[in-house]
């Protein structure tokens, strides 16, 4: 059984990153926003795969992956993809 406090910490981070990166689709000049949103979505994907999808949807409304995926060949899209990969990988590593 995973540590409930660790899950709560991850959910707080997920909520914070999602809130801070709101409007990222309109900010092609800010790759950090795209990275942060990708990281949050990677976290959400990993937590969902680990059986915590209900907790994720109570915390945030996950983005449809295709919203950013069609931008993956551009600098901000690459930042999003890298963030998504890191968010997913690091969530699995700590959880």
PDB file of N, CA and C in Angstrom:
ATOM      1  N   UNK A   1       0.850  -1.192   0.000  1.00  0.00           N
ATOM      2  CA  UNK A   1       0.000   0.000   0.000  1.00  0.00           C
ATOM      3  C   UNK A   1       0.885   1.241   0.000  1.00  0.00           C
ATOM      4  N   UNK A   2       0.668   2.143  -0.949  1.00  0.00           N
ATOM      5  CA  UNK A   2       1.473   3.356  -0.997  1.00  0.00           C
ATOM      6  C   UNK A   2       1.211   4.263   0.201  1.00  0.00           C
ATOM      7  N   UNK A   3       2.198   5.048   0.512  1.00  0.00           N
ATOM      8  CA  UNK A   3       2.105   6.006   1.614  1.00  0.00           C
ATOM      9  C   UNK A   3       1.065   7.076   1.261  1.00  0.00           C
ATOM     10  N   UNK A   4      -0.015   7.201   2.054  1.00  0.00           N
ATOM     11  CA  UNK A   4      -1.050   8.192   1.746  1.00  0.00           C
ATOM     12  C   UNK A   4      -0.521   9.628   1.771  1.00  0.00           C
ATOM     13  N   UNK A   5       0.446   9.911   2.638  1.00  0.00           N
ATOM     14  CA  UNK A   5       1.008  11.264   2.689  1.00  0.00           C
ATOM     15  C   UNK A   5       1.786  11.578   1.413  1.00  0.00           C
ATOM     16  N   UNK A   6       2.508  10.594   0.888  1.00  0.00           N
ATOM     17  CA  UNK A   6       3.231  10.796  -0.366  1.00  0.00           C
ATOM     18  C   UNK A   6       2.239  11.055  -1.498  1.00  0.00           C
ATOM     19  N   UNK A   7       1.159  10.302  -1.531  1.00  0.00           N
ATOM     20  CA  UNK A   7       0.128  10.532  -2.546  1.00  0.00           C
ATOM     21  C   UNK A   7      -0.420  11.953  -2.415  1.00  0.00           C
ATOM     22  N   UNK A   8      -0.703  12.388  -1.208  1.00  0.00           N
ATOM     23  CA  UNK A   8      -1.209  13.750  -0.996  1.00  0.00           C
ATOM     24  C   UNK A   8      -0.204  14.803  -1.449  1.00  0.00           C
ATOM     25  N   UNK A   9       1.075  14.583  -1.178  1.00  0.00           N
ATOM     26  CA  UNK A   9       2.108  15.526  -1.627  1.00  0.00           C
ATOM     27  C   UNK A   9       2.155  15.592  -3.146  1.00  0.00           C
ATOM     28  N   UNK A  10       2.082  14.439  -3.794  1.00  0.00           N
ATOM     29  CA  UNK A  10       2.102  14.415  -5.259  1.00  0.00           C
ATOM     30  C   UNK A  10       0.867  15.112  -5.832  1.00  0.00           C
ATOM     31  N   UNK A  11      -0.283  14.892  -5.216  1.00  0.00           N
ATOM     32  CA  UNK A  11      -1.507  15.545  -5.684  1.00  0.00           C
ATOM     33  C   UNK A  11      -1.438  17.062  -5.497  1.00  0.00           C
ATOM     34  N   UNK A  12      -0.832  17.515  -4.404  1.00  0.00           N
ATOM     35  CA  UNK A  12      -0.664  18.964  -4.201  1.00  0.00           C
ATOM     36  C   UNK A  12       0.266  19.550  -5.264  1.00  0.00           C
ATOM     37  N   UNK A  13       1.356  18.853  -5.557  1.00  0.00           N
ATOM     38  CA  UNK A  13       2.268  19.302  -6.603  1.00  0.00           C
ATOM     39  C   UNK A  13       1.551  19.322  -7.952  1.00  0.00           C
ATOM     40  N   UNK A  14       0.796  18.294  -8.229  1.00  0.00           N
ATOM     41  CA  UNK A  14       0.032  18.209  -9.471  1.00  0.00           C
ATOM     42  C   UNK A  14      -0.913  19.401  -9.603  1.00  0.00           C
ATOM     43  N   UNK A  15      -1.642  19.702  -8.549  1.00  0.00           N
ATOM     44  CA  UNK A  15      -2.577  20.833  -8.570  1.00  0.00           C
ATOM     45  C   UNK A  15      -1.840  22.153  -8.767  1.00  0.00           C
ATOM     46  N   UNK A  16      -0.731  22.315  -8.087  1.00  0.00           N
ATOM     47  CA  UNK A  16       0.043  23.548  -8.184  1.00  0.00           C
ATOM     48  C   UNK A  16       0.596  23.758  -9.595  1.00  0.00           C
ATOM     49  N   UNK A  17       1.202  22.730 -10.160  1.00  0.00           N
ATOM     50  CA  UNK A  17       1.754  22.838 -11.511  1.00  0.00           C
ATOM     51  C   UNK A  17       0.661  23.108 -12.539  1.00  0.00           C
ATOM     52  N   UNK A  18      -0.480  22.469 -12.364  1.00  0.00           N
ATOM     53  CA  UNK A  18      -1.589  22.661 -13.298  1.00  0.00           C
ATOM     54  C   UNK A  18      -2.106  24.091 -13.219  1.00  0.00           C
ATOM     55  N   UNK A  19      -2.268  24.592 -12.007  1.00  0.00           N
ATOM     56  CA  UNK A  19      -2.762  25.955 -11.828  1.00  0.00           C
ATOM     57  C   UNK A  19      -1.767  26.982 -12.380  1.00  0.00           C
ATOM     58  N   UNK A  20      -0.484  26.796 -12.066  1.00  0.00           N
ATOM     59  CA  UNK A  20       0.546  27.743 -12.506  1.00  0.00           C
ATOM     60  C   UNK A  20       0.724  27.769 -14.021  1.00  0.00           C
ATOM     61  N   UNK A  21       0.393  26.678 -14.687  1.00  0.00           N
ATOM     62  CA  UNK A  21       0.602  26.608 -16.137  1.00  0.00           C
ATOM     63  C   UNK A  21      -0.688  26.828 -16.927  1.00  0.00           C
ATOM     64  N   UNK A  22      -1.721  27.292 -16.262  1.00  0.00           N
ATOM     65  CA  UNK A  22      -2.989  27.590 -16.938  1.00  0.00           C
ATOM     66  C   UNK A  22      -2.734  28.572 -18.081  1.00  0.00           C
ATOM     67  N   UNK A  23      -3.335  28.322 -19.224  1.00  0.00           N
ATOM     68  CA  UNK A  23      -3.162  29.198 -20.377  1.00  0.00           C
ATOM     69  C   UNK A  23      -1.903  28.928 -21.183  1.00  0.00           C
ATOM     70  N   UNK A  24      -1.244  27.813 -20.930  1.00  0.00           N
ATOM     71  CA  UNK A  24       0.019  27.524 -21.614  1.00  0.00           C
ATOM     72  C   UNK A  24      -0.131  27.457 -23.132  1.00  0.00           C
ATOM     73  N   UNK A  25      -1.286  27.031 -23.633  1.00  0.00           N
ATOM     74  CA  UNK A  25      -1.473  26.895 -25.081  1.00  0.00           C
ATOM     75  C   UNK A  25      -1.346  28.229 -25.810  1.00  0.00           C
ATOM     76  N   UNK A  26      -1.644  29.312 -25.114  1.00  0.00           N
ATOM     77  CA  UNK A  26      -1.547  30.639 -25.721  1.00  0.00           C
ATOM     78  C   UNK A  26      -0.184  31.285 -25.489  1.00  0.00           C
ATOM     79  N   UNK A  27       0.722  30.602 -24.824  1.00  0.00           N
ATOM     80  CA  UNK A  27       2.019  31.183 -24.449  1.00  0.00           C
ATOM     81  C   UNK A  27       3.169  30.416 -25.104  1.00  0.00           C
ATOM     82  N   UNK A  28       3.234  30.468 -26.395  1.00  0.00           N
ATOM     83  CA  UNK A  28       4.305  29.781 -27.110  1.00  0.00           C
ATOM     84  C   UNK A  28       5.670  30.372 -26.813  1.00  0.00           C
ATOM     85  N   UNK A  29       5.693  31.572 -26.225  1.00  0.00           N
ATOM     86  CA  UNK A  29       6.951  32.230 -25.880  1.00  0.00           C
ATOM     87  C   UNK A  29       7.518  31.736 -24.547  1.00  0.00           C
ATOM     88  N   UNK A  30       6.776  30.925 -23.819  1.00  0.00           N
ATOM     89  CA  UNK A  30       7.192  30.504 -22.480  1.00  0.00           C
ATOM     90  C   UNK A  30       7.291  28.983 -22.394  1.00  0.00           C
ATOM     91  N   UNK A  31       8.440  28.468 -22.777  1.00  0.00           N
ATOM     92  CA  UNK A  31       8.643  27.017 -22.777  1.00  0.00           C
ATOM     93  C   UNK A  31       8.552  26.421 -21.374  1.00  0.00           C
ATOM     94  N   UNK A  32       8.865  27.215 -20.344  1.00  0.00           N
ATOM     95  CA  UNK A  32       8.778  26.705 -18.973  1.00  0.00           C
ATOM     96  C   UNK A  32       7.332  26.353 -18.616  1.00  0.00           C
ATOM     97  N   UNK A  33       6.379  27.168 -19.055  1.00  0.00           N
ATOM     98  CA  UNK A  33       4.964  26.850 -18.820  1.00  0.00           C
ATOM     99  C   UNK A  33       4.595  25.530 -19.489  1.00  0.00           C
ATOM    100  N   UNK A  34       5.068  25.355 -20.702  1.00  0.00           N
ATOM    101  CA  UNK A  34       4.779  24.123 -21.434  1.00  0.00           C
ATOM    102  C   UNK A  34       5.427  22.924 -20.732  1.00  0.00           C
ATOM    103  N   UNK A  35       6.657  23.093 -20.273  1.00  0.00           N
ATOM    104  CA  UNK A  35       7.335  22.017 -19.541  1.00  0.00           C
ATOM    105  C   UNK A  35       6.544  21.660 -18.280  1.00  0.00           C
ATOM    106  N   UNK A  36       6.154  22.681 -17.525  1.00  0.00           N
ATOM    107  CA  UNK A  36       5.423  22.438 -16.274  1.00  0.00           C
ATOM    108  C   UNK A  36       4.094  21.741 -16.529  1.00  0.00           C
ATOM    109  N   UNK A  37       3.390  22.148 -17.593  1.00  0.00           N
ATOM    110  CA  UNK A  37       2.115  21.506 -17.897  1.00  0.00           C
ATOM    111  C   UNK A  37       2.344  20.064 -18.333  1.00  0.00           C
ATOM    112  N   UNK A  38       3.382  19.852 -19.130  1.00  0.00           N
ATOM    113  CA  UNK A  38       3.725  18.486 -19.522  1.00  0.00           C
ATOM    114  C   UNK A  38       4.075  17.633 -18.316  1.00  0.00           C
ATOM    115  N   UNK A  39       4.831  18.210 -17.384  1.00  0.00           N
ATOM    116  CA  UNK A  39       5.211  17.487 -16.171  1.00  0.00           C
ATOM    117  C   UNK A  39       3.958  17.087 -15.393  1.00  0.00           C
ATOM    118  N   UNK A  40       3.042  18.032 -15.228  1.00  0.00           N
ATOM    119  CA  UNK A  40       1.800  17.745 -14.509  1.00  0.00           C
ATOM    120  C   UNK A  40       1.014  16.642 -15.210  1.00  0.00           C
ATOM    121  N   UNK A  41       0.919  16.711 -16.516  1.00  0.00           N
ATOM    122  CA  UNK A  41       0.174  15.686 -17.243  1.00  0.00           C
ATOM    123  C   UNK A  41       0.873  14.330 -17.203  1.00  0.00           C
ATOM    124  N   UNK A  42       2.196  14.336 -17.168  1.00  0.00           N
ATOM    125  CA  UNK A  42       2.929  13.077 -16.997  1.00  0.00           C
ATOM    126  C   UNK A  42       2.682  12.478 -15.621  1.00  0.00           C
ATOM    127  N   UNK A  43       2.665  13.339 -14.607  1.00  0.00           N
ATOM    128  CA  UNK A  43       2.334  12.879 -13.251  1.00  0.00           C
ATOM    129  C   UNK A  43       0.932  12.277 -13.225  1.00  0.00           C
ATOM    130  N   UNK A  44      -0.013  12.975 -13.834  1.00  0.00           N
ATOM    131  CA  UNK A  44      -1.402  12.508 -13.854  1.00  0.00           C
ATOM    132  C   UNK A  44      -1.500  11.153 -14.550  1.00  0.00           C
ATOM    133  N   UNK A  45      -0.779  10.985 -15.644  1.00  0.00           N
ATOM    134  CA  UNK A  45      -0.802   9.714 -16.369  1.00  0.00           C
ATOM    135  C   UNK A  45      -0.245   8.582 -15.508  1.00  0.00           C
ATOM    136  N   UNK A  46       0.876   8.836 -14.834  1.00  0.00           N
ATOM    137  CA  UNK A  46       1.486   7.807 -13.995  1.00  0.00           C
ATOM    138  C   UNK A  46       0.588   7.460 -12.807  1.00  0.00           C
ATOM    139  N   UNK A  47       0.060   8.471 -12.137  1.00  0.00           N
ATOM    140  CA  UNK A  47      -0.810   8.206 -10.986  1.00  0.00           C
ATOM    141  C   UNK A  47      -2.065   7.452 -11.404  1.00  0.00           C
ATOM    142  N   UNK A  48      -2.588   7.780 -12.571  1.00  0.00           N
ATOM    143  CA  UNK A  48      -3.756   7.064 -13.081  1.00  0.00           C
ATOM    144  C   UNK A  48      -3.402   5.607 -13.356  1.00  0.00           C
ATOM    145  N   UNK A  49      -2.262   5.382 -13.997  1.00  0.00           N
ATOM    146  CA  UNK A  49      -1.829   4.014 -14.295  1.00  0.00           C
ATOM    147  C   UNK A  49      -1.566   3.217 -13.019  1.00  0.00           C
ATOM    148  N   UNK A  50      -1.186   3.908 -11.949  1.00  0.00           N
ATOM    149  CA  UNK A  50      -0.918   3.246 -10.673  1.00  0.00           C
ATOM    150  C   UNK A  50      -2.198   3.021  -9.853  1.00  0.00           C
ATOM    151  N   UNK A  51      -3.353   3.358 -10.428  1.00  0.00           N
ATOM    152  CA  UNK A  51      -4.619   3.089  -9.760  1.00  0.00           C
ATOM    153  C   UNK A  51      -5.198   4.251  -8.977  1.00  0.00           C
ATOM    154  N   UNK A  52      -4.685   5.445  -9.195  1.00  0.00           N
ATOM    155  CA  UNK A  52      -5.157   6.614  -8.446  1.00  0.00           C
ATOM    156  C   UNK A  52      -5.863   7.626  -9.346  1.00  0.00           C
ATOM    157  N   UNK A  53      -6.490   7.139 -10.397  1.00  0.00           N
ATOM    158  CA  UNK A  53      -7.179   8.005 -11.344  1.00  0.00           C
ATOM    159  C   UNK A  53      -8.291   8.818 -10.702  1.00  0.00           C
ATOM    160  N   UNK A  54      -9.007   8.221  -9.754  1.00  0.00           N
ATOM    161  CA  UNK A  54     -10.082   8.957  -9.078  1.00  0.00           C
ATOM    162  C   UNK A  54      -9.520  10.152  -8.313  1.00  0.00           C
ATOM    163  N   UNK A  55      -8.406   9.947  -7.631  1.00  0.00           N
ATOM    164  CA  UNK A  55      -7.778  11.040  -6.881  1.00  0.00           C
ATOM    165  C   UNK A  55      -7.294  12.130  -7.833  1.00  0.00           C
ATOM    166  N   UNK A  56      -6.771  11.727  -8.984  1.00  0.00           N
ATOM    167  CA  UNK A  56      -6.300  12.701  -9.980  1.00  0.00           C
ATOM    168  C   UNK A  56      -7.465  13.541 -10.480  1.00  0.00           C
ATOM    169  N   UNK A  57      -8.575  12.899 -10.842  1.00  0.00           N
ATOM    170  CA  UNK A  57      -9.709  13.658 -11.393  1.00  0.00           C
ATOM    171  C   UNK A  57     -10.411  14.491 -10.327  1.00  0.00           C
ATOM    172  N   UNK A  58     -10.246  14.150  -9.059  1.00  0.00           N
ATOM    173  CA  UNK A  58     -10.761  15.013  -7.994  1.00  0.00           C
ATOM    174  C   UNK A  58      -9.867  16.236  -7.797  1.00  0.00           C
ATOM    175  N   UNK A  59      -8.611  16.125  -8.219  1.00  0.00           N
ATOM    176  CA  UNK A  59      -7.624  17.188  -8.013  1.00  0.00           C
ATOM    177  C   UNK A  59      -7.563  18.145  -9.196  1.00  0.00           C
ATOM    178  N   UNK A  60      -7.527  17.598 -10.396  1.00  0.00           N
ATOM    179  CA  UNK A  60      -7.436  18.412 -11.621  1.00  0.00           C
ATOM    180  C   UNK A  60      -8.329  17.800 -12.689  1.00  0.00           C
ATOM    181  N   UNK A  61      -8.521  18.558 -13.740  1.00  0.00           N
ATOM    182  CA  UNK A  61      -9.143  18.013 -14.938  1.00  0.00           C
ATOM    183  C   UNK A  61      -8.023  17.818 -15.948  1.00  0.00           C
ATOM    184  N   UNK A  62      -7.584  16.568 -16.153  1.00  0.00           N
ATOM    185  CA  UNK A  62      -6.443  16.342 -17.047  1.00  0.00           C
ATOM    186  C   UNK A  62      -6.717  16.856 -18.458  1.00  0.00           C
ATOM    187  N   UNK A  63      -5.658  17.368 -19.079  1.00  0.00           N
ATOM    188  CA  UNK A  63      -5.752  17.860 -20.451  1.00  0.00           C
ATOM    189  C   UNK A  63      -5.818  16.684 -21.413  1.00  0.00           C
ATOM    190  N   UNK A  64      -6.576  16.840 -22.491  1.00  0.00           N
ATOM    191  CA  UNK A  64      -6.457  15.847 -23.561  1.00  0.00           C
ATOM    192  C   UNK A  64      -5.036  15.929 -24.123  1.00  0.00           C
ATOM    193  N   UNK A  65      -4.366  14.812 -24.222  1.00  0.00           N
ATOM    194  CA  UNK A  65      -2.962  14.791 -24.641  1.00  0.00           C
ATOM    195  C   UNK A  65      -2.790  15.420 -26.024  1.00  0.00           C
ATOM    196  N   UNK A  66      -3.763  15.275 -26.892  1.00  0.00           N
ATOM    197  CA  UNK A  66      -3.630  15.787 -28.254  1.00  0.00           C
ATOM    198  C   UNK A  66      -3.557  17.307 -28.323  1.00  0.00           C
ATOM    199  N   UNK A  67      -3.983  18.015 -27.291  1.00  0.00           N
ATOM    200  CA  UNK A  67      -3.912  19.481 -27.312  1.00  0.00           C
ATOM    201  C   UNK A  67      -2.487  19.964 -27.522  1.00  0.00           C
ATOM    202  N   UNK A  68      -1.532  19.338 -26.880  1.00  0.00           N
ATOM    203  CA  UNK A  68      -0.143  19.772 -26.993  1.00  0.00           C
ATOM    204  C   UNK A  68       0.663  18.884 -27.937  1.00  0.00           C
ATOM    205  N   UNK A  69       0.209  17.663 -28.146  1.00  0.00           N
ATOM    206  CA  UNK A  69       0.993  16.713 -28.925  1.00  0.00           C
ATOM    207  C   UNK A  69       1.253  17.200 -30.350  1.00  0.00           C
ATOM    208  N   UNK A  70       0.312  17.901 -30.955  1.00  0.00           N
ATOM    209  CA  UNK A  70       0.536  18.361 -32.326  1.00  0.00           C
ATOM    210  C   UNK A  70       1.567  19.486 -32.410  1.00  0.00           C
ATOM    211  N   UNK A  71       2.068  19.928 -31.262  1.00  0.00           N
ATOM    212  CA  UNK A  71       3.095  20.972 -31.207  1.00  0.00           C
ATOM    213  C   UNK A  71       4.489  20.388 -30.948  1.00  0.00           C
ATOM    214  N   UNK A  72       4.604  19.078 -30.896  1.00  0.00           N
ATOM    215  CA  UNK A  72       5.835  18.435 -30.434  1.00  0.00           C
ATOM    216  C   UNK A  72       7.069  18.717 -31.287  1.00  0.00           C
ATOM    217  N   UNK A  73       6.911  19.172 -32.499  1.00  0.00           N
ATOM    218  CA  UNK A  73       8.060  19.475 -33.356  1.00  0.00           C
ATOM    219  C   UNK A  73       8.586  20.903 -33.145  1.00  0.00           C
ATOM    220  N   UNK A  74       7.874  21.694 -32.358  1.00  0.00           N
ATOM    221  CA  UNK A  74       8.265  23.080 -32.081  1.00  0.00           C
ATOM    222  C   UNK A  74       8.939  23.177 -30.714  1.00  0.00           C
ATOM    223  N   UNK A  75       9.733  24.223 -30.463  1.00  0.00           N
ATOM    224  CA  UNK A  75      10.472  24.308 -29.197  1.00  0.00           C
ATOM    225  C   UNK A  75       9.584  24.157 -27.953  1.00  0.00           C
ATOM    226  N   UNK A  76       8.449  24.833 -27.916  1.00  0.00           N
ATOM    227  CA  UNK A  76       7.575  24.735 -26.742  1.00  0.00           C
ATOM    228  C   UNK A  76       6.944  23.347 -26.647  1.00  0.00           C
ATOM    229  N   UNK A  77       6.665  22.739 -27.783  1.00  0.00           N
ATOM    230  CA  UNK A  77       6.127  21.381 -27.779  1.00  0.00           C
ATOM    231  C   UNK A  77       7.160  20.369 -27.295  1.00  0.00           C
ATOM    232  N   UNK A  78       8.431  20.606 -27.657  1.00  0.00           N
ATOM    233  CA  UNK A  78       9.502  19.733 -27.166  1.00  0.00           C
ATOM    234  C   UNK A  78       9.640  19.873 -25.653  1.00  0.00           C
ATOM    235  N   UNK A  79       9.488  21.095 -25.148  1.00  0.00           N
ATOM    236  CA  UNK A  79       9.542  21.307 -23.694  1.00  0.00           C
ATOM    237  C   UNK A  79       8.402  20.554 -23.011  1.00  0.00           C
ATOM    238  N   UNK A  80       7.207  20.596 -23.602  1.00  0.00           N
ATOM    239  CA  UNK A  80       6.058  19.870 -23.058  1.00  0.00           C
ATOM    240  C   UNK A  80       6.343  18.367 -23.017  1.00  0.00           C
ATOM    241  N   UNK A  81       6.825  17.821 -24.136  1.00  0.00           N
ATOM    242  CA  UNK A  81       7.104  16.378 -24.220  1.00  0.00           C
ATOM    243  C   UNK A  81       8.151  15.959 -23.189  1.00  0.00           C
ATOM    244  N   UNK A  82       9.195  16.773 -23.051  1.00  0.00           N
ATOM    245  CA  UNK A  82      10.234  16.468 -22.069  1.00  0.00           C
ATOM    246  C   UNK A  82       9.642  16.508 -20.654  1.00  0.00           C
ATOM    247  N   UNK A  83       8.844  17.526 -20.376  1.00  0.00           N
ATOM    248  CA  UNK A  83       8.199  17.623 -19.069  1.00  0.00           C
ATOM    249  C   UNK A  83       7.294  16.441 -18.806  1.00  0.00           C
ATOM    250  N   UNK A  84       6.530  16.033 -19.798  1.00  0.00           N
ATOM    251  CA  UNK A  84       5.620  14.893 -19.639  1.00  0.00           C
ATOM    252  C   UNK A  84       6.412  13.615 -19.332  1.00  0.00           C
ATOM    253  N   UNK A  85       7.482  13.400 -20.093  1.00  0.00           N
ATOM    254  CA  UNK A  85       8.321  12.217 -19.846  1.00  0.00           C
ATOM    255  C   UNK A  85       8.891  12.239 -18.432  1.00  0.00           C
ATOM    256  N   UNK A  86       9.418  13.392 -18.023  1.00  0.00           N
ATOM    257  CA  UNK A  86      10.029  13.502 -16.691  1.00  0.00           C
ATOM    258  C   UNK A  86       8.979  13.348 -15.585  1.00  0.00           C
ATOM    259  N   UNK A  87       7.830  13.970 -15.744  1.00  0.00           N
ATOM    260  CA  UNK A  87       6.779  13.866 -14.737  1.00  0.00           C
ATOM    261  C   UNK A  87       6.321  12.437 -14.544  1.00  0.00           C
ATOM    262  N   UNK A  88       6.171  11.734 -15.651  1.00  0.00           N
ATOM    263  CA  UNK A  88       5.746  10.330 -15.568  1.00  0.00           C
ATOM    264  C   UNK A  88       6.843   9.477 -14.932  1.00  0.00           C
ATOM    265  N   UNK A  89       8.057   9.620 -15.429  1.00  0.00           N
ATOM    266  CA  UNK A  89       9.175   8.811 -14.925  1.00  0.00           C
ATOM    267  C   UNK A  89       9.421   9.064 -13.435  1.00  0.00           C
ATOM    268  N   UNK A  90       9.487  10.336 -13.046  1.00  0.00           N
ATOM    269  CA  UNK A  90       9.796  10.641 -11.654  1.00  0.00           C
ATOM    270  C   UNK A  90       8.664  10.258 -10.708  1.00  0.00           C
ATOM    271  N   UNK A  91       7.437  10.297 -11.171  1.00  0.00           N
ATOM    272  CA  UNK A  91       6.323   9.836 -10.339  1.00  0.00           C
ATOM    273  C   UNK A  91       6.455   8.346 -10.079  1.00  0.00           C
ATOM    274  N   UNK A  92       6.776   7.579 -11.115  1.00  0.00           N
ATOM    275  CA  UNK A  92       7.001   6.145 -10.910  1.00  0.00           C
ATOM    276  C   UNK A  92       8.175   5.901  -9.967  1.00  0.00           C
ATOM    277  N   UNK A  93       9.223   6.713 -10.064  1.00  0.00           N
ATOM    278  CA  UNK A  93      10.403   6.515  -9.222  1.00  0.00           C
ATOM    279  C   UNK A  93      10.101   6.746  -7.741  1.00  0.00           C
ATOM    280  N   UNK A  94       9.287   7.736  -7.434  1.00  0.00           N
ATOM    281  CA  UNK A  94       9.029   8.044  -6.016  1.00  0.00           C
ATOM    282  C   UNK A  94       7.825   7.305  -5.457  1.00  0.00           C
ATOM    283  N   UNK A  95       6.973   6.803  -6.322  1.00  0.00           N
ATOM    284  CA  UNK A  95       5.760   6.161  -5.851  1.00  0.00           C
ATOM    285  C   UNK A  95       5.865   4.703  -6.139  1.00  0.00           C
TER     286      UNK A  95
END
